Amino acid sequence: MAASEIVHRKAVLSLYKILLRLHRGLPEDLQTLGTCYIKDEFRRHKLVDQQTANTFMVEWTRCALLLTKQLSAKGIKSRSKVGNNLGEDDLEKLREDQAVQLYELMKITSNSNEQENKIK
């Protein structure tokens, strides 16, 4: 294994651990969903080409930075907004499989929000 591969693997593992740690500060339902999503995404991107791997790392690093800013030292205790909305440009850049995955994620979170509102 080349030195650059070792460095890349360490960077991926480090980002993965950071994201999982950050998700501990989220409300339980978001934490569970987010943790499953992260694990699935990292698993599915294990054997991608270099360009896809670079884009993957940049986007997940942005996500980690955003969560770091949004989470206080104690984490989010209420249902305050987490994350950012995707713009039209972002949506247009998605591959078909990514758009389908995003739609499925939206359905899951919408159902979760509806159930929570019924409980209240």
PDB file of N, CA and C in Angstrom:
ATOM      1  N   MET A   1       0.847  -1.171   0.000  1.00  0.00           N
ATOM      2  CA  MET A   1       0.000   0.000   0.000  1.00  0.00           C
ATOM      3  C   MET A   1       0.899   1.244   0.000  1.00  0.00           C
ATOM      4  N   ALA A   2       0.591   2.172  -0.888  1.00  0.00           N
ATOM      5  CA  ALA A   2       1.386   3.391  -1.021  1.00  0.00           C
ATOM      6  C   ALA A   2       1.144   4.322   0.162  1.00  0.00           C
ATOM      7  N   ALA A   3       2.106   5.183   0.412  1.00  0.00           N
ATOM      8  CA  ALA A   3       2.001   6.133   1.527  1.00  0.00           C
ATOM      9  C   ALA A   3       0.776   7.026   1.374  1.00  0.00           C
ATOM     10  N   SER A   4       0.474   7.449   0.144  1.00  0.00           N
ATOM     11  CA  SER A   4      -0.687   8.321  -0.072  1.00  0.00           C
ATOM     12  C   SER A   4      -1.990   7.599   0.267  1.00  0.00           C
ATOM     13  N   GLU A   5      -2.048   6.292   0.016  1.00  0.00           N
ATOM     14  CA  GLU A   5      -3.233   5.510   0.371  1.00  0.00           C
ATOM     15  C   GLU A   5      -3.397   5.424   1.886  1.00  0.00           C
ATOM     16  N   ILE A   6      -2.290   5.266   2.585  1.00  0.00           N
ATOM     17  CA  ILE A   6      -2.333   5.199   4.049  1.00  0.00           C
ATOM     18  C   ILE A   6      -2.815   6.525   4.620  1.00  0.00           C
ATOM     19  N   VAL A   7      -2.304   7.618   4.094  1.00  0.00           N
ATOM     20  CA  VAL A   7      -2.715   8.954   4.549  1.00  0.00           C
ATOM     21  C   VAL A   7      -4.203   9.155   4.285  1.00  0.00           C
ATOM     22  N   HIS A   8      -4.659   8.755   3.088  1.00  0.00           N
ATOM     23  CA  HIS A   8      -6.074   8.903   2.737  1.00  0.00           C
ATOM     24  C   HIS A   8      -6.955   8.076   3.675  1.00  0.00           C
ATOM     25  N   ARG A   9      -6.566   6.834   3.932  1.00  0.00           N
ATOM     26  CA  ARG A   9      -7.351   5.973   4.824  1.00  0.00           C
ATOM     27  C   ARG A   9      -7.445   6.564   6.229  1.00  0.00           C
ATOM     28  N   LYS A  10      -6.337   7.128   6.712  1.00  0.00           N
ATOM     29  CA  LYS A  10      -6.352   7.749   8.044  1.00  0.00           C
ATOM     30  C   LYS A  10      -7.269   8.967   8.063  1.00  0.00           C
ATOM     31  N   ALA A  11      -7.248   9.756   6.990  1.00  0.00           N
ATOM     32  CA  ALA A  11      -8.108  10.938   6.901  1.00  0.00           C
ATOM     33  C   ALA A  11      -9.578  10.531   6.873  1.00  0.00           C
ATOM     34  N   VAL A  12      -9.899   9.489   6.114  1.00  0.00           N
ATOM     35  CA  VAL A  12     -11.281   9.002   6.030  1.00  0.00           C
ATOM     36  C   VAL A  12     -11.743   8.501   7.390  1.00  0.00           C
ATOM     37  N   LEU A  13     -10.924   7.700   8.042  1.00  0.00           N
ATOM     38  CA  LEU A  13     -11.276   7.159   9.354  1.00  0.00           C
ATOM     39  C   LEU A  13     -11.445   8.274  10.383  1.00  0.00           C
ATOM     40  N   SER A  14     -10.578   9.252  10.341  1.00  0.00           N
ATOM     41  CA  SER A  14     -10.663  10.386  11.262  1.00  0.00           C
ATOM     42  C   SER A  14     -11.964  11.157  11.053  1.00  0.00           C
ATOM     43  N   LEU A  15     -12.307  11.443   9.802  1.00  0.00           N
ATOM     44  CA  LEU A  15     -13.547  12.163   9.501  1.00  0.00           C
ATOM     45  C   LEU A  15     -14.758  11.347   9.936  1.00  0.00           C
ATOM     46  N   TYR A  16     -14.722  10.064   9.694  1.00  0.00           N
ATOM     47  CA  TYR A  16     -15.800   9.156  10.085  1.00  0.00           C
ATOM     48  C   TYR A  16     -16.030   9.223  11.600  1.00  0.00           C
ATOM     49  N   LYS A  17     -14.959   9.136  12.365  1.00  0.00           N
ATOM     50  CA  LYS A  17     -15.058   9.186  13.830  1.00  0.00           C
ATOM     51  C   LYS A  17     -15.567  10.543  14.310  1.00  0.00           C
ATOM     52  N   ILE A  18     -15.101  11.611  13.680  1.00  0.00           N
ATOM     53  CA  ILE A  18     -15.550  12.959  14.047  1.00  0.00           C
ATOM     54  C   ILE A  18     -17.050  13.089  13.824  1.00  0.00           C
ATOM     55  N   LEU A  19     -17.526  12.631  12.673  1.00  0.00           N
ATOM     56  CA  LEU A  19     -18.952  12.724  12.363  1.00  0.00           C
ATOM     57  C   LEU A  19     -19.790  11.921  13.351  1.00  0.00           C
ATOM     58  N   LEU A  20     -19.352  10.719  13.683  1.00  0.00           N
ATOM     59  CA  LEU A  20     -20.099   9.907  14.646  1.00  0.00           C
ATOM     60  C   LEU A  20     -20.122  10.577  16.020  1.00  0.00           C
ATOM     61  N   ARG A  21     -19.002  11.173  16.415  1.00  0.00           N
ATOM     62  CA  ARG A  21     -18.946  11.885  17.692  1.00  0.00           C
ATOM     63  C   ARG A  21     -19.892  13.085  17.695  1.00  0.00           C
ATOM     64  N   LEU A  22     -19.894  13.832  16.605  1.00  0.00           N
ATOM     65  CA  LEU A  22     -20.779  14.992  16.503  1.00  0.00           C
ATOM     66  C   LEU A  22     -22.247  14.579  16.605  1.00  0.00           C
ATOM     67  N   HIS A  23     -22.579  13.456  16.026  1.00  0.00           N
ATOM     68  CA  HIS A  23     -23.975  13.007  16.039  1.00  0.00           C
ATOM     69  C   HIS A  23     -24.452  12.637  17.436  1.00  0.00           C
ATOM     70  N   ARG A  24     -23.535  12.392  18.344  1.00  0.00           N
ATOM     71  CA  ARG A  24     -23.931  12.106  19.732  1.00  0.00           C
ATOM     72  C   ARG A  24     -24.610  13.311  20.379  1.00  0.00           C
ATOM     73  N   GLY A  25     -24.350  14.503  19.849  1.00  0.00           N
ATOM     74  CA  GLY A  25     -24.953  15.710  20.397  1.00  0.00           C
ATOM     75  C   GLY A  25     -26.324  16.026  19.835  1.00  0.00           C
ATOM     76  N   LEU A  26     -26.805  15.218  18.901  1.00  0.00           N
ATOM     77  CA  LEU A  26     -28.112  15.448  18.287  1.00  0.00           C
ATOM     78  C   LEU A  26     -29.220  14.792  19.099  1.00  0.00           C
ATOM     79  N   PRO A  27     -30.466  15.239  18.916  1.00  0.00           N
ATOM     80  CA  PRO A  27     -31.586  14.525  19.534  1.00  0.00           C
ATOM     81  C   PRO A  27     -31.571  13.062  19.085  1.00  0.00           C
ATOM     82  N   GLU A  28     -32.097  12.185  19.912  1.00  0.00           N
ATOM     83  CA  GLU A  28     -31.956  10.745  19.696  1.00  0.00           C
ATOM     84  C   GLU A  28     -32.419  10.282  18.315  1.00  0.00           C
ATOM     85  N   ASP A  29     -33.574  10.781  17.849  1.00  0.00           N
ATOM     86  CA  ASP A  29     -34.073  10.327  16.550  1.00  0.00           C
ATOM     87  C   ASP A  29     -33.153  10.760  15.412  1.00  0.00           C
ATOM     88  N   LEU A  30     -32.652  11.984  15.479  1.00  0.00           N
ATOM     89  CA  LEU A  30     -31.722  12.461  14.452  1.00  0.00           C
ATOM     90  C   LEU A  30     -30.381  11.743  14.553  1.00  0.00           C
ATOM     91  N   GLN A  31     -29.966  11.464  15.771  1.00  0.00           N
ATOM     92  CA  GLN A  31     -28.699  10.758  15.976  1.00  0.00           C
ATOM     93  C   GLN A  31     -28.758   9.369  15.342  1.00  0.00           C
ATOM     94  N   THR A  32     -29.829   8.650  15.585  1.00  0.00           N
ATOM     95  CA  THR A  32     -29.976   7.301  15.038  1.00  0.00           C
ATOM     96  C   THR A  32     -29.996   7.327  13.518  1.00  0.00           C
ATOM     97  N   LEU A  33     -30.813   8.201  12.960  1.00  0.00           N
ATOM     98  CA  LEU A  33     -30.912   8.314  11.508  1.00  0.00           C
ATOM     99  C   LEU A  33     -29.580   8.738  10.896  1.00  0.00           C
ATOM    100  N   GLY A  34     -28.959   9.757  11.479  1.00  0.00           N
ATOM    101  CA  GLY A  34     -27.700  10.274  10.955  1.00  0.00           C
ATOM    102  C   GLY A  34     -26.565   9.274  11.038  1.00  0.00           C
ATOM    103  N   THR A  35     -26.498   8.555  12.137  1.00  0.00           N
ATOM    104  CA  THR A  35     -25.440   7.557  12.310  1.00  0.00           C
ATOM    105  C   THR A  35     -25.583   6.438  11.280  1.00  0.00           C
ATOM    106  N   CYS A  36     -26.803   5.968  11.078  1.00  0.00           N
ATOM    107  CA  CYS A  36     -27.029   4.936  10.052  1.00  0.00           C
ATOM    108  C   CYS A  36     -26.660   5.459   8.672  1.00  0.00           C
ATOM    109  N   TYR A  37     -27.017   6.702   8.405  1.00  0.00           N
ATOM    110  CA  TYR A  37     -26.735   7.304   7.102  1.00  0.00           C
ATOM    111  C   TYR A  37     -25.226   7.431   6.876  1.00  0.00           C
ATOM    112  N   ILE A  38     -24.511   7.898   7.882  1.00  0.00           N
ATOM    113  CA  ILE A  38     -23.053   8.046   7.771  1.00  0.00           C
ATOM    114  C   ILE A  38     -22.401   6.690   7.514  1.00  0.00           C
ATOM    115  N   LYS A  39     -22.778   5.699   8.302  1.00  0.00           N
ATOM    116  CA  LYS A  39     -22.185   4.369   8.139  1.00  0.00           C
ATOM    117  C   LYS A  39     -22.436   3.832   6.736  1.00  0.00           C
ATOM    118  N   ASP A  40     -23.655   4.008   6.242  1.00  0.00           N
ATOM    119  CA  ASP A  40     -24.000   3.532   4.902  1.00  0.00           C
ATOM    120  C   ASP A  40     -23.211   4.278   3.827  1.00  0.00           C
ATOM    121  N   GLU A  41     -23.126   5.594   3.951  1.00  0.00           N
ATOM    122  CA  GLU A  41     -22.405   6.401   2.960  1.00  0.00           C
ATOM    123  C   GLU A  41     -20.921   6.037   2.904  1.00  0.00           C
ATOM    124  N   PHE A  42     -20.303   5.908   4.042  1.00  0.00           N
ATOM    125  CA  PHE A  42     -18.876   5.572   4.063  1.00  0.00           C
ATOM    126  C   PHE A  42     -18.649   4.154   3.523  1.00  0.00           C
ATOM    127  N   ARG A  43     -19.564   3.249   3.836  1.00  0.00           N
ATOM    128  CA  ARG A  43     -19.451   1.883   3.327  1.00  0.00           C
ATOM    129  C   ARG A  43     -19.583   1.867   1.800  1.00  0.00           C
ATOM    130  N   ARG A  44     -20.552   2.619   1.271  1.00  0.00           N
ATOM    131  CA  ARG A  44     -20.789   2.620  -0.175  1.00  0.00           C
ATOM    132  C   ARG A  44     -19.696   3.336  -0.959  1.00  0.00           C
ATOM    133  N   HIS A  45     -18.939   4.191  -0.308  1.00  0.00           N
ATOM    134  CA  HIS A  45     -17.890   4.946  -1.004  1.00  0.00           C
ATOM    135  C   HIS A  45     -16.488   4.389  -0.759  1.00  0.00           C
ATOM    136  N   LYS A  46     -16.411   3.174  -0.280  1.00  0.00           N
ATOM    137  CA  LYS A  46     -15.109   2.567   0.014  1.00  0.00           C
ATOM    138  C   LYS A  46     -14.239   2.383  -1.225  1.00  0.00           C
ATOM    139  N   LEU A  47     -14.841   2.007  -2.334  1.00  0.00           N
ATOM    140  CA  LEU A  47     -14.073   1.653  -3.529  1.00  0.00           C
ATOM    141  C   LEU A  47     -14.403   2.562  -4.716  1.00  0.00           C
ATOM    142  N   VAL A  48     -14.400   3.857  -4.497  1.00  0.00           N
ATOM    143  CA  VAL A  48     -14.702   4.799  -5.580  1.00  0.00           C
ATOM    144  C   VAL A  48     -13.408   5.353  -6.170  1.00  0.00           C
ATOM    145  N   ASP A  49     -13.540   5.996  -7.332  1.00  0.00           N
ATOM    146  CA  ASP A  49     -12.360   6.588  -7.965  1.00  0.00           C
ATOM    147  C   ASP A  49     -11.879   7.803  -7.162  1.00  0.00           C
ATOM    148  N   GLN A  50     -10.691   8.268  -7.463  1.00  0.00           N
ATOM    149  CA  GLN A  50     -10.043   9.346  -6.701  1.00  0.00           C
ATOM    150  C   GLN A  50     -10.861  10.636  -6.701  1.00  0.00           C
ATOM    151  N   GLN A  51     -11.424  11.009  -7.848  1.00  0.00           N
ATOM    152  CA  GLN A  51     -12.202  12.250  -7.936  1.00  0.00           C
ATOM    153  C   GLN A  51     -13.447  12.173  -7.053  1.00  0.00           C
ATOM    154  N   THR A  52     -14.146  11.046  -7.107  1.00  0.00           N
ATOM    155  CA  THR A  52     -15.331  10.861  -6.268  1.00  0.00           C
ATOM    156  C   THR A  52     -14.941  10.861  -4.793  1.00  0.00           C
ATOM    157  N   ALA A  53     -13.828  10.224  -4.465  1.00  0.00           N
ATOM    158  CA  ALA A  53     -13.356  10.191  -3.075  1.00  0.00           C
ATOM    159  C   ALA A  53     -13.033  11.597  -2.574  1.00  0.00           C
ATOM    160  N   ASN A  54     -12.409  12.401  -3.413  1.00  0.00           N
ATOM    161  CA  ASN A  54     -12.082  13.779  -3.017  1.00  0.00           C
ATOM    162  C   ASN A  54     -13.345  14.595  -2.773  1.00  0.00           C
ATOM    163  N   THR A  55     -14.313  14.490  -3.686  1.00  0.00           N
ATOM    164  CA  THR A  55     -15.583  15.208  -3.522  1.00  0.00           C
ATOM    165  C   THR A  55     -16.291  14.746  -2.256  1.00  0.00           C
ATOM    166  N   PHE A  56     -16.304  13.446  -2.029  1.00  0.00           N
ATOM    167  CA  PHE A  56     -16.917  12.854  -0.843  1.00  0.00           C
ATOM    168  C   PHE A  56     -16.307  13.436   0.428  1.00  0.00           C
ATOM    169  N   MET A  57     -14.990  13.479   0.485  1.00  0.00           N
ATOM    170  CA  MET A  57     -14.299  13.997   1.665  1.00  0.00           C
ATOM    171  C   MET A  57     -14.571  15.481   1.876  1.00  0.00           C
ATOM    172  N   VAL A  58     -14.579  16.252   0.804  1.00  0.00           N
ATOM    173  CA  VAL A  58     -14.846  17.693   0.914  1.00  0.00           C
ATOM    174  C   VAL A  58     -16.252  17.925   1.455  1.00  0.00           C
ATOM    175  N   GLU A  59     -17.235  17.235   0.900  1.00  0.00           N
ATOM    176  CA  GLU A  59     -18.624  17.451   1.321  1.00  0.00           C
ATOM    177  C   GLU A  59     -18.872  16.991   2.753  1.00  0.00           C
ATOM    178  N   TRP A  60     -18.311  15.855   3.148  1.00  0.00           N
ATOM    179  CA  TRP A  60     -18.502  15.398   4.521  1.00  0.00           C
ATOM    180  C   TRP A  60     -17.713  16.259   5.511  1.00  0.00           C
ATOM    181  N   THR A  61     -16.607  16.821   5.080  1.00  0.00           N
ATOM    182  CA  THR A  61     -15.874  17.759   5.938  1.00  0.00           C
ATOM    183  C   THR A  61     -16.703  19.017   6.149  1.00  0.00           C
ATOM    184  N   ARG A  62     -17.350  19.498   5.092  1.00  0.00           N
ATOM    185  CA  ARG A  62     -18.251  20.659   5.226  1.00  0.00           C
ATOM    186  C   ARG A  62     -19.379  20.351   6.197  1.00  0.00           C
ATOM    187  N   CYS A  63     -19.920  19.152   6.095  1.00  0.00           N
ATOM    188  CA  CYS A  63     -20.987  18.733   7.002  1.00  0.00           C
ATOM    189  C   CYS A  63     -20.490  18.735   8.447  1.00  0.00           C
ATOM    190  N   ALA A  64     -19.304  18.211   8.668  1.00  0.00           N
ATOM    191  CA  ALA A  64     -18.730  18.168  10.020  1.00  0.00           C
ATOM    192  C   ALA A  64     -18.507  19.579  10.561  1.00  0.00           C
ATOM    193  N   LEU A  65     -18.013  20.472   9.720  1.00  0.00           N
ATOM    194  CA  LEU A  65     -17.796  21.856  10.153  1.00  0.00           C
ATOM    195  C   LEU A  65     -19.113  22.539  10.492  1.00  0.00           C
ATOM    196  N   LEU A  66     -20.139  22.314   9.676  1.00  0.00           N
ATOM    197  CA  LEU A  66     -21.447  22.907   9.935  1.00  0.00           C
ATOM    198  C   LEU A  66     -22.026  22.388  11.245  1.00  0.00           C
ATOM    199  N   LEU A  67     -21.955  21.080  11.456  1.00  0.00           N
ATOM    200  CA  LEU A  67     -22.459  20.513  12.709  1.00  0.00           C
ATOM    201  C   LEU A  67     -21.681  21.029  13.912  1.00  0.00           C
ATOM    202  N   THR A  68     -20.384  21.191  13.756  1.00  0.00           N
ATOM    203  CA  THR A  68     -19.562  21.722  14.842  1.00  0.00           C
ATOM    204  C   THR A  68     -20.036  23.115  15.234  1.00  0.00           C
ATOM    205  N   LYS A  69     -20.346  23.938  14.244  1.00  0.00           N
ATOM    206  CA  LYS A  69     -20.829  25.297  14.517  1.00  0.00           C
ATOM    207  C   LYS A  69     -22.215  25.279  15.145  1.00  0.00           C
ATOM    208  N   GLN A  70     -23.068  24.353  14.693  1.00  0.00           N
ATOM    209  CA  GLN A  70     -24.455  24.348  15.155  1.00  0.00           C
ATOM    210  C   GLN A  70     -24.642  23.688  16.514  1.00  0.00           C
ATOM    211  N   LEU A  71     -23.754  22.808  16.874  1.00  0.00           N
ATOM    212  CA  LEU A  71     -23.883  22.130  18.163  1.00  0.00           C
ATOM    213  C   LEU A  71     -23.111  22.894  19.230  1.00  0.00           C
ATOM    214  N   SER A  72     -23.760  23.145  20.330  1.00  0.00           N
ATOM    215  CA  SER A  72     -23.034  23.751  21.442  1.00  0.00           C
ATOM    216  C   SER A  72     -22.231  22.649  22.124  1.00  0.00           C
ATOM    217  N   ALA A  73     -21.494  23.000  23.143  1.00  0.00           N
ATOM    218  CA  ALA A  73     -20.699  22.000  23.869  1.00  0.00           C
ATOM    219  C   ALA A  73     -21.596  20.904  24.451  1.00  0.00           C
ATOM    220  N   LYS A  74     -22.840  21.267  24.773  1.00  0.00           N
ATOM    221  CA  LYS A  74     -23.762  20.305  25.368  1.00  0.00           C
ATOM    222  C   LYS A  74     -24.652  19.627  24.331  1.00  0.00           C
ATOM    223  N   GLY A  75     -24.551  20.017  23.086  1.00  0.00           N
ATOM    224  CA  GLY A  75     -25.398  19.431  22.048  1.00  0.00           C
ATOM    225  C   GLY A  75     -26.721  20.164  21.948  1.00  0.00           C
ATOM    226  N   ILE A  76     -27.476  19.812  20.962  1.00  0.00           N
ATOM    227  CA  ILE A  76     -28.785  20.427  20.747  1.00  0.00           C
ATOM    228  C   ILE A  76     -29.793  19.689  21.606  1.00  0.00           C
ATOM    229  N   LYS A  77     -30.436  20.416  22.488  1.00  0.00           N
ATOM    230  CA  LYS A  77     -31.405  19.792  23.379  1.00  0.00           C
ATOM    231  C   LYS A  77     -32.829  19.940  22.855  1.00  0.00           C
ATOM    232  N   SER A  78     -33.077  20.944  22.050  1.00  0.00           N
ATOM    233  CA  SER A  78     -34.420  21.155  21.516  1.00  0.00           C
ATOM    234  C   SER A  78     -34.432  20.793  20.039  1.00  0.00           C
ATOM    235  N   ARG A  79     -35.528  21.061  19.385  1.00  0.00           N
ATOM    236  CA  ARG A  79     -35.661  20.756  17.962  1.00  0.00           C
ATOM    237  C   ARG A  79     -35.231  21.945  17.119  1.00  0.00           C
ATOM    238  N   SER A  80     -34.154  22.591  17.490  1.00  0.00           N
ATOM    239  CA  SER A  80     -33.672  23.686  16.662  1.00  0.00           C
ATOM    240  C   SER A  80     -33.136  23.118  15.358  1.00  0.00           C
ATOM    241  N   LYS A  81     -33.054  23.967  14.374  1.00  0.00           N
ATOM    242  CA  LYS A  81     -32.663  23.539  13.030  1.00  0.00           C
ATOM    243  C   LYS A  81     -31.218  23.031  13.015  1.00  0.00           C
ATOM    244  N   VAL A  82     -31.035  21.917  12.340  1.00  0.00           N
ATOM    245  CA  VAL A  82     -29.706  21.343  12.161  1.00  0.00           C
ATOM    246  C   VAL A  82     -29.487  21.173  10.663  1.00  0.00           C
ATOM    247  N   GLY A  83     -28.312  21.540  10.189  1.00  0.00           N
ATOM    248  CA  GLY A  83     -27.987  21.365   8.778  1.00  0.00           C
ATOM    249  C   GLY A  83     -28.374  22.570   7.945  1.00  0.00           C
ATOM    250  N   ASN A  84     -28.320  22.398   6.639  1.00  0.00           N
ATOM    251  CA  ASN A  84     -28.668  23.438   5.672  1.00  0.00           C
ATOM    252  C   ASN A  84     -29.613  22.871   4.637  1.00  0.00           C
ATOM    253  N   ASN A  85     -30.424  23.741   4.055  1.00  0.00           N
ATOM    254  CA  ASN A  85     -31.256  23.328   2.932  1.00  0.00           C
ATOM    255  C   ASN A  85     -30.403  23.255   1.674  1.00  0.00           C
ATOM    256  N   LEU A  86     -30.743  22.335   0.790  1.00  0.00           N
ATOM    257  CA  LEU A  86     -30.042  22.227  -0.489  1.00  0.00           C
ATOM    258  C   LEU A  86     -30.655  23.204  -1.483  1.00  0.00           C
ATOM    259  N   GLY A  87     -29.808  23.891  -2.214  1.00  0.00           N
ATOM    260  CA  GLY A  87     -30.275  24.794  -3.252  1.00  0.00           C
ATOM    261  C   GLY A  87     -30.525  24.043  -4.549  1.00  0.00           C
ATOM    262  N   GLU A  88     -31.143  24.728  -5.514  1.00  0.00           N
ATOM    263  CA  GLU A  88     -31.415  24.100  -6.810  1.00  0.00           C
ATOM    264  C   GLU A  88     -30.134  23.618  -7.477  1.00  0.00           C
ATOM    265  N   ASP A  89     -29.067  24.415  -7.375  1.00  0.00           N
ATOM    266  CA  ASP A  89     -27.788  24.018  -7.979  1.00  0.00           C
ATOM    267  C   ASP A  89     -27.287  22.707  -7.385  1.00  0.00           C
ATOM    268  N   ASP A  90     -27.410  22.585  -6.059  1.00  0.00           N
ATOM    269  CA  ASP A  90     -26.971  21.355  -5.390  1.00  0.00           C
ATOM    270  C   ASP A  90     -27.790  20.155  -5.866  1.00  0.00           C
ATOM    271  N   LEU A  91     -29.104  20.347  -5.973  1.00  0.00           N
ATOM    272  CA  LEU A  91     -29.974  19.253  -6.397  1.00  0.00           C
ATOM    273  C   LEU A  91     -29.691  18.821  -7.831  1.00  0.00           C
ATOM    274  N   GLU A  92     -29.386  19.780  -8.682  1.00  0.00           N
ATOM    275  CA  GLU A  92     -29.103  19.463 -10.087  1.00  0.00           C
ATOM    276  C   GLU A  92     -27.796  18.691 -10.250  1.00  0.00           C
ATOM    277  N   LYS A  93     -26.879  18.834  -9.310  1.00  0.00           N
ATOM    278  CA  LYS A  93     -25.590  18.141  -9.379  1.00  0.00           C
ATOM    279  C   LYS A  93     -25.683  16.675  -8.951  1.00  0.00           C
ATOM    280  N   LEU A  94     -26.785  16.301  -8.311  1.00  0.00           N
ATOM    281  CA  LEU A  94     -26.923  14.933  -7.810  1.00  0.00           C
ATOM    282  C   LEU A  94     -27.077  13.936  -8.950  1.00  0.00           C
ATOM    283  N   ARG A  95     -26.437  12.778  -8.785  1.00  0.00           N
ATOM    284  CA  ARG A  95     -26.669  11.671  -9.707  1.00  0.00           C
ATOM    285  C   ARG A  95     -28.057  11.105  -9.411  1.00  0.00           C
ATOM    286  N   GLU A  96     -28.567  10.294 -10.313  1.00  0.00           N
ATOM    287  CA  GLU A  96     -29.907   9.737 -10.136  1.00  0.00           C
ATOM    288  C   GLU A  96     -30.013   8.924  -8.844  1.00  0.00           C
ATOM    289  N   ASP A  97     -29.009   8.090  -8.558  1.00  0.00           N
ATOM    290  CA  ASP A  97     -29.054   7.276  -7.342  1.00  0.00           C
ATOM    291  C   ASP A  97     -29.004   8.144  -6.088  1.00  0.00           C
ATOM    292  N   GLN A  98     -28.291   9.268  -6.156  1.00  0.00           N
ATOM    293  CA  GLN A  98     -28.230  10.178  -5.014  1.00  0.00           C
ATOM    294  C   GLN A  98     -29.575  10.875  -4.809  1.00  0.00           C
ATOM    295  N   ALA A  99     -30.230  11.247  -5.919  1.00  0.00           N
ATOM    296  CA  ALA A  99     -31.541  11.891  -5.826  1.00  0.00           C
ATOM    297  C   ALA A  99     -32.563  10.935  -5.218  1.00  0.00           C
ATOM    298  N   VAL A 100     -32.518   9.674  -5.623  1.00  0.00           N
ATOM    299  CA  VAL A 100     -33.424   8.669  -5.065  1.00  0.00           C
ATOM    300  C   VAL A 100     -33.152   8.492  -3.575  1.00  0.00           C
ATOM    301  N   GLN A 101     -31.883   8.418  -3.197  1.00  0.00           N
ATOM    302  CA  GLN A 101     -31.516   8.257  -1.788  1.00  0.00           C
ATOM    303  C   GLN A 101     -31.984   9.460  -0.966  1.00  0.00           C
ATOM    304  N   LEU A 102     -31.822  10.655  -1.502  1.00  0.00           N
ATOM    305  CA  LEU A 102     -32.262  11.864  -0.811  1.00  0.00           C
ATOM    306  C   LEU A 102     -33.778  11.864  -0.640  1.00  0.00           C
ATOM    307  N   TYR A 103     -34.494  11.428  -1.677  1.00  0.00           N
ATOM    308  CA  TYR A 103     -35.952  11.354  -1.604  1.00  0.00           C
ATOM    309  C   TYR A 103     -36.383  10.365  -0.522  1.00  0.00           C
ATOM    310  N   GLU A 104     -35.738   9.202  -0.472  1.00  0.00           N
ATOM    311  CA  GLU A 104     -36.053   8.204   0.556  1.00  0.00           C
ATOM    312  C   GLU A 104     -35.785   8.755   1.953  1.00  0.00           C
ATOM    313  N   LEU A 105     -34.694   9.472   2.107  1.00  0.00           N
ATOM    314  CA  LEU A 105     -34.360  10.093   3.388  1.00  0.00           C
ATOM    315  C   LEU A 105     -35.411  11.130   3.770  1.00  0.00           C
ATOM    316  N   MET A 106     -35.873  11.904   2.786  1.00  0.00           N
ATOM    317  CA  MET A 106     -36.910  12.907   3.038  1.00  0.00           C
ATOM    318  C   MET A 106     -38.200  12.234   3.507  1.00  0.00           C
ATOM    319  N   LYS A 107     -38.571  11.109   2.882  1.00  0.00           N
ATOM    320  CA  LYS A 107     -39.785  10.399   3.291  1.00  0.00           C
ATOM    321  C   LYS A 107     -39.666   9.899   4.726  1.00  0.00           C
ATOM    322  N   ILE A 108     -38.503   9.354   5.063  1.00  0.00           N
ATOM    323  CA  ILE A 108     -38.291   8.838   6.419  1.00  0.00           C
ATOM    324  C   ILE A 108     -38.401   9.958   7.445  1.00  0.00           C
ATOM    325  N   THR A 109     -37.742  11.078   7.170  1.00  0.00           N
ATOM    326  CA  THR A 109     -37.766  12.178   8.137  1.00  0.00           C
ATOM    327  C   THR A 109     -39.132  12.834   8.193  1.00  0.00           C
ATOM    328  N   SER A 110     -39.853  12.890   7.085  1.00  0.00           N
ATOM    329  CA  SER A 110     -41.206  13.459   7.081  1.00  0.00           C
ATOM    330  C   SER A 110     -42.138  12.607   7.918  1.00  0.00           C
ATOM    331  N   ASN A 111     -42.046  11.281   7.782  1.00  0.00           N
ATOM    332  CA  ASN A 111     -42.870  10.378   8.590  1.00  0.00           C
ATOM    333  C   ASN A 111     -42.552  10.524  10.065  1.00  0.00           C
ATOM    334  N   SER A 112     -41.275  10.682  10.393  1.00  0.00           N
ATOM    335  CA  SER A 112     -40.853  10.856  11.778  1.00  0.00           C
ATOM    336  C   SER A 112     -41.436  12.137  12.360  1.00  0.00           C
ATOM    337  N   ASN A 113     -41.391  13.229  11.585  1.00  0.00           N
ATOM    338  CA  ASN A 113     -41.932  14.510  12.043  1.00  0.00           C
ATOM    339  C   ASN A 113     -43.443  14.440  12.219  1.00  0.00           C
ATOM    340  N   GLU A 114     -44.152  13.751  11.311  1.00  0.00           N
ATOM    341  CA  GLU A 114     -45.602  13.614  11.427  1.00  0.00           C
ATOM    342  C   GLU A 114     -45.973  12.844  12.686  1.00  0.00           C
ATOM    343  N   GLN A 115     -45.251  11.764  12.972  1.00  0.00           N
ATOM    344  CA  GLN A 115     -45.524  10.975  14.167  1.00  0.00           C
ATOM    345  C   GLN A 115     -45.257  11.782  15.428  1.00  0.00           C
ATOM    346  N   GLU A 116     -44.201  12.583  15.411  1.00  0.00           N
ATOM    347  CA  GLU A 116     -43.872  13.411  16.569  1.00  0.00           C
ATOM    348  C   GLU A 116     -44.961  14.453  16.809  1.00  0.00           C
ATOM    349  N   ASN A 117     -45.490  15.054  15.745  1.00  0.00           N
ATOM    350  CA  ASN A 117     -46.549  16.052  15.873  1.00  0.00           C
ATOM    351  C   ASN A 117     -47.837  15.429  16.400  1.00  0.00           C
ATOM    352  N   LYS A 118     -48.130  14.169  16.055  1.00  0.00           N
ATOM    353  CA  LYS A 118     -49.320  13.488  16.557  1.00  0.00           C
ATOM    354  C   LYS A 118     -49.209  13.254  18.057  1.00  0.00           C
ATOM    355  N   ILE A 119     -47.998  12.982  18.535  1.00  0.00           N
ATOM    356  CA  ILE A 119     -47.775  12.727  19.959  1.00  0.00           C
ATOM    357  C   ILE A 119     -48.020  13.990  20.770  1.00  0.00           C
ATOM    358  N   LYS A 120     -47.624  15.133  20.218  1.00  0.00           N
ATOM    359  CA  LYS A 120     -47.793  16.412  20.921  1.00  0.00           C
ATOM    360  C   LYS A 120     -49.238  16.741  20.943  1.00  0.00           C
TER     361      LYS A 120
END
